[in-house]
Amino acid sequence: MRCPVTLEGSFHSATIRKTRGALIGHVTRASIPSGHCTNGNATVLIETLPWHLTYEGFEGALPTISRLLFLLTGLSVQTNLGGLNCLWQTEVNQNLTLYASLTASGTITTIEIAANSFPVSGEMGFCSFFRIGVLPSISRVTQLGSATFVSVRLI
């Protein structure tokens, strides 16, 4: 199943302190347009918002890092895959790991979900065979209401 997903939120600052587990932002709005998924449909459970972003680490060498790692906590999405209903939720100590790829100047070019899985419940355990992922070639991270890309810097 493939769906276009839009996440809106904010980083608390353009500068992020390298403290593992530090809250660095929130996702305050999430949407999956109805009827735009292939091979199924999905609904964001908006009552679970805001979702928290916490700093996890980075890859590369300072001062020019290649990827920023962070965790998304609170995510909750209901999917229907050919009549199979699944509930995807992150839980305490079972977060979704995200990788933000950066240019040399710190501009975020894409965000992708790590190959880990997180708790999913549904009909007769079949939902646990699925994973959620993102096609990084279509991910964009821009400032709200503009085409300006987001940049971050670690201190």
N, C-alpha and C. Protein backbone atom coordinates (compact mmCIF):
# COMPACT_ATOMS: atom_id res chain seq x y z
N MET A 1 0.85 -1.18 0.00
CA MET A 1 0.00 0.00 0.00
C MET A 1 0.89 1.23 0.00
N ARG A 2 0.53 2.21 -0.79
CA ARG A 2 1.25 3.49 -0.81
C ARG A 2 0.27 4.63 -0.63
N CYS A 3 0.66 5.59 0.20
CA CYS A 3 -0.19 6.74 0.48
C CYS A 3 0.66 7.99 0.56
N PRO A 4 0.14 9.10 0.04
CA PRO A 4 0.83 10.37 0.30
C PRO A 4 0.52 10.80 1.73
N VAL A 5 1.54 11.19 2.46
CA VAL A 5 1.38 11.60 3.86
C VAL A 5 1.99 12.98 4.02
N THR A 6 1.26 13.86 4.69
CA THR A 6 1.79 15.18 5.00
C THR A 6 1.87 15.32 6.51
N LEU A 7 3.06 15.69 6.99
CA LEU A 7 3.27 15.96 8.40
C LEU A 7 3.65 17.42 8.56
N GLU A 8 3.03 18.09 9.50
CA GLU A 8 3.38 19.47 9.81
C GLU A 8 3.77 19.53 11.27
N GLY A 9 4.72 20.37 11.55
CA GLY A 9 5.16 20.52 12.92
C GLY A 9 6.28 21.52 12.99
N SER A 10 7.03 21.44 14.04
CA SER A 10 8.12 22.38 14.19
C SER A 10 9.24 21.78 15.02
N PHE A 11 10.44 22.25 14.70
CA PHE A 11 11.57 22.01 15.58
C PHE A 11 11.55 23.14 16.59
N HIS A 12 11.95 22.88 17.81
CA HIS A 12 11.95 23.92 18.83
C HIS A 12 12.99 24.98 18.55
N SER A 13 14.02 24.61 17.79
CA SER A 13 15.10 25.55 17.49
C SER A 13 15.81 25.08 16.22
N ALA A 14 16.46 26.00 15.53
CA ALA A 14 17.26 25.63 14.36
C ALA A 14 18.58 25.01 14.79
N THR A 15 18.92 25.16 16.06
CA THR A 15 20.13 24.57 16.62
C THR A 15 19.73 23.48 17.60
N ILE A 16 20.29 22.30 17.41
CA ILE A 16 19.93 21.16 18.27
C ILE A 16 21.14 20.75 19.09
N ARG A 17 20.95 20.69 20.41
CA ARG A 17 22.00 20.22 21.32
C ARG A 17 22.08 18.70 21.21
N LYS A 18 23.28 18.17 21.18
CA LYS A 18 23.50 16.73 21.01
C LYS A 18 23.26 16.00 22.34
N THR A 19 22.01 15.98 22.79
CA THR A 19 21.63 15.29 24.01
C THR A 19 20.60 14.23 23.67
N ARG A 20 21.02 12.98 23.71
CA ARG A 20 20.13 11.88 23.33
C ARG A 20 18.87 11.89 24.19
N GLY A 21 17.72 11.79 23.53
CA GLY A 21 16.43 11.78 24.22
C GLY A 21 15.82 13.15 24.42
N ALA A 22 16.54 14.23 24.04
CA ALA A 22 16.02 15.58 24.22
C ALA A 22 14.87 15.84 23.25
N LEU A 23 13.81 16.44 23.74
CA LEU A 23 12.68 16.81 22.91
C LEU A 23 13.10 17.96 22.00
N ILE A 24 13.03 17.74 20.67
CA ILE A 24 13.49 18.77 19.73
C ILE A 24 12.37 19.34 18.87
N GLY A 25 11.17 18.76 18.96
CA GLY A 25 10.07 19.28 18.16
C GLY A 25 8.81 18.45 18.31
N HIS A 26 7.78 18.89 17.58
CA HIS A 26 6.48 18.21 17.60
C HIS A 26 5.93 18.11 16.19
N VAL A 27 5.19 17.06 15.93
CA VAL A 27 4.34 16.98 14.75
C VAL A 27 2.95 17.34 15.25
N THR A 28 2.40 18.44 14.74
CA THR A 28 1.12 18.95 15.22
C THR A 28 -0.04 18.67 14.28
N ARG A 29 0.27 18.30 13.05
CA ARG A 29 -0.77 17.97 12.07
C ARG A 29 -0.25 16.85 11.18
N ALA A 30 -1.10 15.88 10.90
CA ALA A 30 -0.75 14.79 10.00
C ALA A 30 -1.98 14.46 9.17
N SER A 31 -1.77 14.21 7.88
CA SER A 31 -2.92 13.89 7.04
C SER A 31 -2.53 12.90 5.95
N ILE A 32 -3.51 12.08 5.59
CA ILE A 32 -3.42 11.16 4.47
C ILE A 32 -4.69 11.39 3.68
N PRO A 33 -4.59 12.01 2.50
CA PRO A 33 -5.81 12.34 1.74
C PRO A 33 -6.64 11.10 1.43
N SER A 34 -7.92 11.17 1.74
CA SER A 34 -8.84 10.06 1.49
C SER A 34 -8.90 9.74 -0.01
N GLY A 35 -8.80 8.46 -0.31
CA GLY A 35 -8.90 8.03 -1.70
C GLY A 35 -7.63 8.13 -2.50
N HIS A 36 -6.51 8.52 -1.88
CA HIS A 36 -5.25 8.68 -2.60
C HIS A 36 -4.26 7.54 -2.36
N CYS A 37 -4.65 6.54 -1.59
CA CYS A 37 -3.79 5.39 -1.35
C CYS A 37 -4.00 4.34 -2.44
N THR A 38 -2.95 3.60 -2.74
CA THR A 38 -3.09 2.47 -3.64
C THR A 38 -3.14 1.19 -2.81
N ASN A 39 -3.99 0.26 -3.18
CA ASN A 39 -4.12 -1.04 -2.54
C ASN A 39 -4.60 -0.97 -1.10
N GLY A 40 -5.35 0.05 -0.73
CA GLY A 40 -5.88 0.15 0.62
C GLY A 40 -6.15 1.59 0.98
N ASN A 41 -6.39 1.83 2.26
CA ASN A 41 -6.54 3.21 2.73
C ASN A 41 -6.01 3.33 4.14
N ALA A 42 -5.77 4.57 4.54
CA ALA A 42 -5.19 4.83 5.86
C ALA A 42 -5.78 6.12 6.43
N THR A 43 -5.87 6.15 7.75
CA THR A 43 -6.40 7.32 8.45
C THR A 43 -5.49 7.62 9.63
N VAL A 44 -5.08 8.87 9.75
CA VAL A 44 -4.31 9.31 10.92
C VAL A 44 -5.29 9.50 12.07
N LEU A 45 -4.96 8.97 13.22
CA LEU A 45 -5.79 9.17 14.41
C LEU A 45 -5.35 10.48 15.06
N ILE A 46 -6.01 11.56 14.64
CA ILE A 46 -5.56 12.91 15.01
C ILE A 46 -5.67 13.19 16.50
N GLU A 47 -6.47 12.41 17.22
CA GLU A 47 -6.58 12.63 18.66
C GLU A 47 -5.29 12.29 19.39
N THR A 48 -4.36 11.61 18.71
CA THR A 48 -3.07 11.27 19.33
C THR A 48 -2.03 12.38 19.14
N LEU A 49 -2.35 13.40 18.36
CA LEU A 49 -1.42 14.52 18.16
C LEU A 49 -1.38 15.41 19.39
N PRO A 50 -0.30 16.09 19.69
CA PRO A 50 0.94 16.15 18.91
C PRO A 50 1.82 14.93 19.16
N TRP A 51 2.60 14.59 18.15
CA TRP A 51 3.60 13.54 18.27
C TRP A 51 4.93 14.20 18.59
N HIS A 52 5.76 13.55 19.37
CA HIS A 52 7.02 14.14 19.83
C HIS A 52 8.20 13.68 18.98
N LEU A 53 9.12 14.60 18.71
CA LEU A 53 10.39 14.30 18.05
C LEU A 53 11.49 14.47 19.08
N THR A 54 12.29 13.42 19.27
CA THR A 54 13.42 13.52 20.18
C THR A 54 14.72 13.21 19.45
N TYR A 55 15.78 13.86 19.88
CA TYR A 55 17.10 13.68 19.27
C TYR A 55 17.64 12.30 19.65
N GLU A 56 18.22 11.60 18.66
CA GLU A 56 18.79 10.28 18.90
C GLU A 56 20.28 10.23 18.60
N GLY A 57 20.72 10.97 17.58
CA GLY A 57 22.14 10.94 17.23
C GLY A 57 22.35 11.49 15.83
N PHE A 58 23.56 11.27 15.31
CA PHE A 58 23.87 11.73 13.96
C PHE A 58 24.87 10.78 13.33
N GLU A 59 24.98 10.88 12.02
CA GLU A 59 25.98 10.12 11.27
C GLU A 59 26.85 11.11 10.53
N GLY A 60 28.11 10.75 10.32
CA GLY A 60 29.06 11.64 9.68
C GLY A 60 29.98 12.25 10.72
N ALA A 61 30.78 13.19 10.27
CA ALA A 61 31.75 13.83 11.16
C ALA A 61 31.42 15.31 11.32
N LEU A 62 31.49 15.78 12.56
CA LEU A 62 31.28 17.21 12.81
C LEU A 62 32.38 18.02 12.16
N PRO A 63 32.12 19.20 11.68
CA PRO A 63 30.85 19.91 11.78
C PRO A 63 29.88 19.59 10.64
N THR A 64 30.28 18.80 9.66
CA THR A 64 29.43 18.50 8.51
C THR A 64 28.90 17.09 8.64
N ILE A 65 27.68 16.95 9.16
CA ILE A 65 27.10 15.62 9.35
C ILE A 65 26.25 15.25 8.13
N SER A 66 26.06 13.96 7.92
CA SER A 66 25.29 13.51 6.76
C SER A 66 23.84 13.18 7.08
N ARG A 67 23.61 12.70 8.31
CA ARG A 67 22.23 12.36 8.69
C ARG A 67 21.99 12.66 10.16
N LEU A 68 20.80 13.13 10.43
CA LEU A 68 20.33 13.38 11.78
C LEU A 68 19.35 12.26 12.11
N LEU A 69 19.52 11.62 13.26
CA LEU A 69 18.61 10.56 13.68
C LEU A 69 17.72 11.08 14.78
N PHE A 70 16.42 10.85 14.66
CA PHE A 70 15.53 11.21 15.73
C PHE A 70 14.41 10.19 15.85
N LEU A 71 13.70 10.24 16.96
CA LEU A 71 12.62 9.30 17.24
C LEU A 71 11.29 10.02 17.19
N LEU A 72 10.29 9.34 16.67
CA LEU A 72 8.92 9.86 16.63
C LEU A 72 8.10 9.04 17.61
N THR A 73 7.49 9.71 18.57
CA THR A 73 6.69 9.07 19.60
C THR A 73 5.25 9.56 19.49
N GLY A 74 4.31 8.64 19.59
CA GLY A 74 2.90 9.01 19.61
C GLY A 74 2.15 8.72 18.32
N LEU A 75 2.86 8.33 17.27
CA LEU A 75 2.23 8.07 15.99
C LEU A 75 1.13 7.02 16.12
N SER A 76 0.00 7.28 15.45
CA SER A 76 -1.11 6.34 15.46
C SER A 76 -1.87 6.45 14.15
N VAL A 77 -1.87 5.34 13.37
CA VAL A 77 -2.50 5.31 12.05
C VAL A 77 -3.31 4.02 11.92
N GLN A 78 -4.53 4.15 11.42
CA GLN A 78 -5.38 2.99 11.14
C GLN A 78 -5.31 2.72 9.64
N THR A 79 -5.03 1.46 9.24
CA THR A 79 -4.99 1.12 7.82
C THR A 79 -5.98 0.00 7.53
N ASN A 80 -6.40 -0.05 6.26
CA ASN A 80 -7.22 -1.14 5.77
C ASN A 80 -6.56 -1.63 4.50
N LEU A 81 -6.04 -2.84 4.54
CA LEU A 81 -5.33 -3.45 3.41
C LEU A 81 -6.18 -4.59 2.87
N GLY A 82 -6.98 -4.30 1.87
CA GLY A 82 -7.83 -5.33 1.28
C GLY A 82 -8.76 -5.98 2.28
N GLY A 83 -9.34 -5.21 3.18
CA GLY A 83 -10.25 -5.74 4.19
C GLY A 83 -9.59 -6.09 5.50
N LEU A 84 -8.27 -6.05 5.56
CA LEU A 84 -7.52 -6.33 6.78
C LEU A 84 -7.27 -5.01 7.51
N ASN A 85 -7.85 -4.84 8.70
CA ASN A 85 -7.69 -3.61 9.47
C ASN A 85 -6.51 -3.73 10.43
N CYS A 86 -5.62 -2.74 10.37
CA CYS A 86 -4.43 -2.72 11.22
C CYS A 86 -4.31 -1.38 11.92
N LEU A 87 -3.89 -1.38 13.16
CA LEU A 87 -3.63 -0.17 13.92
C LEU A 87 -2.13 -0.09 14.18
N TRP A 88 -1.49 0.97 13.68
CA TRP A 88 -0.06 1.20 13.83
C TRP A 88 0.14 2.26 14.89
N GLN A 89 0.83 1.91 15.99
CA GLN A 89 1.06 2.87 17.07
C GLN A 89 2.46 2.71 17.63
N THR A 90 3.10 3.83 17.89
CA THR A 90 4.35 3.77 18.64
C THR A 90 3.98 3.75 20.12
N GLU A 91 4.85 3.18 20.90
CA GLU A 91 4.62 3.07 22.34
C GLU A 91 5.90 3.45 23.06
N VAL A 92 5.82 3.59 24.38
CA VAL A 92 6.99 3.91 25.19
C VAL A 92 8.07 2.86 24.92
N ASN A 93 9.28 3.29 24.66
CA ASN A 93 10.43 2.44 24.35
C ASN A 93 10.27 1.65 23.06
N GLN A 94 9.33 2.02 22.23
CA GLN A 94 9.12 1.38 20.93
C GLN A 94 8.74 2.49 19.95
N ASN A 95 9.69 3.36 19.67
CA ASN A 95 9.46 4.52 18.83
C ASN A 95 9.84 4.24 17.39
N LEU A 96 9.47 5.15 16.53
CA LEU A 96 9.82 5.05 15.13
C LEU A 96 11.09 5.87 14.91
N THR A 97 12.13 5.24 14.38
CA THR A 97 13.39 5.94 14.13
C THR A 97 13.35 6.57 12.74
N LEU A 98 13.67 7.85 12.68
CA LEU A 98 13.69 8.59 11.43
C LEU A 98 15.09 9.08 11.14
N TYR A 99 15.44 9.10 9.86
CA TYR A 99 16.73 9.62 9.42
C TYR A 99 16.48 10.83 8.54
N ALA A 100 17.07 11.96 8.89
CA ALA A 100 16.99 13.16 8.06
C ALA A 100 18.33 13.32 7.36
N SER A 101 18.33 13.20 6.04
CA SER A 101 19.57 13.38 5.27
C SER A 101 19.83 14.87 5.10
N LEU A 102 21.09 15.25 5.27
CA LEU A 102 21.46 16.67 5.25
C LEU A 102 22.50 16.96 4.17
N THR A 103 22.43 18.17 3.63
CA THR A 103 23.49 18.65 2.74
C THR A 103 24.63 19.15 3.62
N ALA A 104 25.74 19.52 3.00
CA ALA A 104 26.90 20.04 3.75
C ALA A 104 26.54 21.30 4.54
N SER A 105 25.56 22.06 4.07
CA SER A 105 25.16 23.28 4.77
C SER A 105 24.09 23.04 5.84
N GLY A 106 23.64 21.78 6.00
CA GLY A 106 22.68 21.45 7.04
C GLY A 106 21.23 21.44 6.57
N THR A 107 20.98 21.60 5.27
CA THR A 107 19.62 21.56 4.76
C THR A 107 19.11 20.12 4.73
N ILE A 108 17.92 19.91 5.26
CA ILE A 108 17.31 18.58 5.25
C ILE A 108 16.77 18.32 3.85
N THR A 109 17.25 17.24 3.21
CA THR A 109 16.79 16.92 1.86
C THR A 109 15.68 15.88 1.86
N THR A 110 15.77 14.89 2.72
CA THR A 110 14.73 13.86 2.82
C THR A 110 14.66 13.35 4.25
N ILE A 111 13.53 12.76 4.57
CA ILE A 111 13.37 12.05 5.84
C ILE A 111 12.86 10.67 5.48
N GLU A 112 13.51 9.66 6.04
CA GLU A 112 13.06 8.29 5.79
C GLU A 112 12.93 7.56 7.11
N ILE A 113 12.10 6.54 7.09
CA ILE A 113 11.88 5.71 8.27
C ILE A 113 12.89 4.57 8.26
N ALA A 114 13.50 4.33 9.40
CA ALA A 114 14.46 3.23 9.52
C ALA A 114 13.75 1.90 9.30
N ALA A 115 14.49 0.88 9.04
CA ALA A 115 13.94 -0.43 8.73
C ALA A 115 13.42 -1.17 9.97
N ASN A 116 13.28 -0.45 11.08
CA ASN A 116 12.73 -1.12 12.26
C ASN A 116 11.21 -1.14 12.19
N SER A 117 10.59 -1.95 13.00
CA SER A 117 9.14 -1.99 13.03
C SER A 117 8.68 -1.50 14.40
N PHE A 118 7.41 -1.27 14.51
CA PHE A 118 6.86 -0.87 15.79
C PHE A 118 5.52 -1.57 15.97
N PRO A 119 4.96 -1.55 17.19
CA PRO A 119 3.77 -2.35 17.45
C PRO A 119 2.62 -2.08 16.49
N VAL A 120 2.03 -3.17 16.03
CA VAL A 120 0.85 -3.09 15.18
C VAL A 120 -0.12 -4.16 15.67
N SER A 121 -1.38 -3.78 15.75
CA SER A 121 -2.38 -4.76 16.15
C SER A 121 -3.43 -4.84 15.06
N GLY A 122 -4.09 -5.96 14.99
CA GLY A 122 -5.11 -6.13 13.97
C GLY A 122 -5.65 -7.54 13.96
N GLU A 123 -6.30 -7.84 12.87
CA GLU A 123 -7.03 -9.09 12.75
C GLU A 123 -6.10 -10.31 12.74
N MET A 124 -6.26 -11.16 13.75
CA MET A 124 -5.58 -12.46 13.86
C MET A 124 -4.07 -12.39 13.67
N GLY A 125 -3.42 -11.28 14.02
CA GLY A 125 -1.98 -11.18 13.96
C GLY A 125 -1.39 -10.98 12.57
N PHE A 126 -2.21 -10.95 11.52
CA PHE A 126 -1.70 -10.80 10.17
C PHE A 126 -1.02 -9.45 9.95
N CYS A 127 -1.43 -8.44 10.69
CA CYS A 127 -0.87 -7.10 10.50
C CYS A 127 0.62 -7.05 10.80
N SER A 128 1.11 -7.91 11.65
CA SER A 128 2.52 -7.89 12.03
C SER A 128 3.44 -8.26 10.87
N PHE A 129 2.90 -8.73 9.75
CA PHE A 129 3.72 -9.07 8.59
C PHE A 129 4.06 -7.84 7.75
N PHE A 130 3.44 -6.71 8.04
CA PHE A 130 3.65 -5.50 7.25
C PHE A 130 4.60 -4.54 7.96
N ARG A 131 5.25 -3.71 7.19
CA ARG A 131 6.12 -2.66 7.72
C ARG A 131 5.75 -1.34 7.07
N ILE A 132 6.02 -0.26 7.78
CA ILE A 132 5.78 1.06 7.22
C ILE A 132 7.11 1.62 6.76
N GLY A 133 7.13 2.27 5.63
CA GLY A 133 8.34 2.88 5.12
C GLY A 133 8.02 4.10 4.27
N VAL A 134 9.04 4.83 3.92
CA VAL A 134 8.88 6.03 3.12
C VAL A 134 9.81 5.93 1.92
N LEU A 135 9.34 6.38 0.78
CA LEU A 135 10.21 6.48 -0.39
C LEU A 135 10.95 7.81 -0.29
N PRO A 136 12.23 7.79 0.05
CA PRO A 136 12.93 9.05 0.29
C PRO A 136 12.99 9.96 -0.92
N SER A 137 12.85 9.42 -2.12
CA SER A 137 12.94 10.27 -3.31
C SER A 137 11.77 11.24 -3.41
N ILE A 138 10.69 11.00 -2.65
CA ILE A 138 9.57 11.92 -2.73
C ILE A 138 9.34 12.69 -1.44
N SER A 139 10.22 12.51 -0.47
CA SER A 139 10.10 13.25 0.78
C SER A 139 10.63 14.66 0.59
N ARG A 140 9.93 15.62 1.19
CA ARG A 140 10.39 17.01 1.17
C ARG A 140 10.16 17.60 2.55
N VAL A 141 11.11 18.39 3.00
CA VAL A 141 10.99 19.05 4.29
C VAL A 141 11.16 20.55 4.04
N THR A 142 10.04 21.27 4.10
CA THR A 142 10.06 22.71 3.83
C THR A 142 9.42 23.47 4.98
N GLN A 143 9.74 24.75 5.04
CA GLN A 143 9.10 25.61 6.01
C GLN A 143 7.63 25.73 5.64
N LEU A 144 6.77 25.79 6.63
CA LEU A 144 5.34 25.81 6.42
C LEU A 144 4.93 26.95 5.49
N GLY A 145 4.16 26.60 4.47
CA GLY A 145 3.63 27.60 3.55
C GLY A 145 4.63 28.14 2.55
N SER A 146 5.78 27.48 2.39
CA SER A 146 6.78 27.97 1.45
C SER A 146 7.52 26.80 0.82
N ALA A 147 8.37 27.11 -0.13
CA ALA A 147 9.21 26.09 -0.76
C ALA A 147 10.63 26.10 -0.16
N THR A 148 10.84 26.89 0.89
CA THR A 148 12.14 27.01 1.53
C THR A 148 12.43 25.77 2.37
N PHE A 149 13.55 25.12 2.09
CA PHE A 149 13.92 23.93 2.82
C PHE A 149 14.36 24.27 4.24
N VAL A 150 14.23 23.30 5.14
CA VAL A 150 14.59 23.46 6.55
C VAL A 150 16.07 23.10 6.72
N SER A 151 16.78 23.90 7.51
CA SER A 151 18.18 23.62 7.84
C SER A 151 18.32 23.49 9.35
N VAL A 152 19.22 22.62 9.78
CA VAL A 152 19.51 22.46 11.20
C VAL A 152 21.01 22.46 11.42
N ARG A 153 21.38 22.72 12.67
CA ARG A 153 22.80 22.72 13.04
C ARG A 153 22.90 22.12 14.43
N LEU A 154 23.90 21.26 14.61
CA LEU A 154 24.14 20.66 15.91
C LEU A 154 25.17 21.48 16.67
N ILE A 155 25.00 21.55 18.01
CA ILE A 155 26.00 22.20 18.85
C ILE A 155 26.45 21.24 19.92
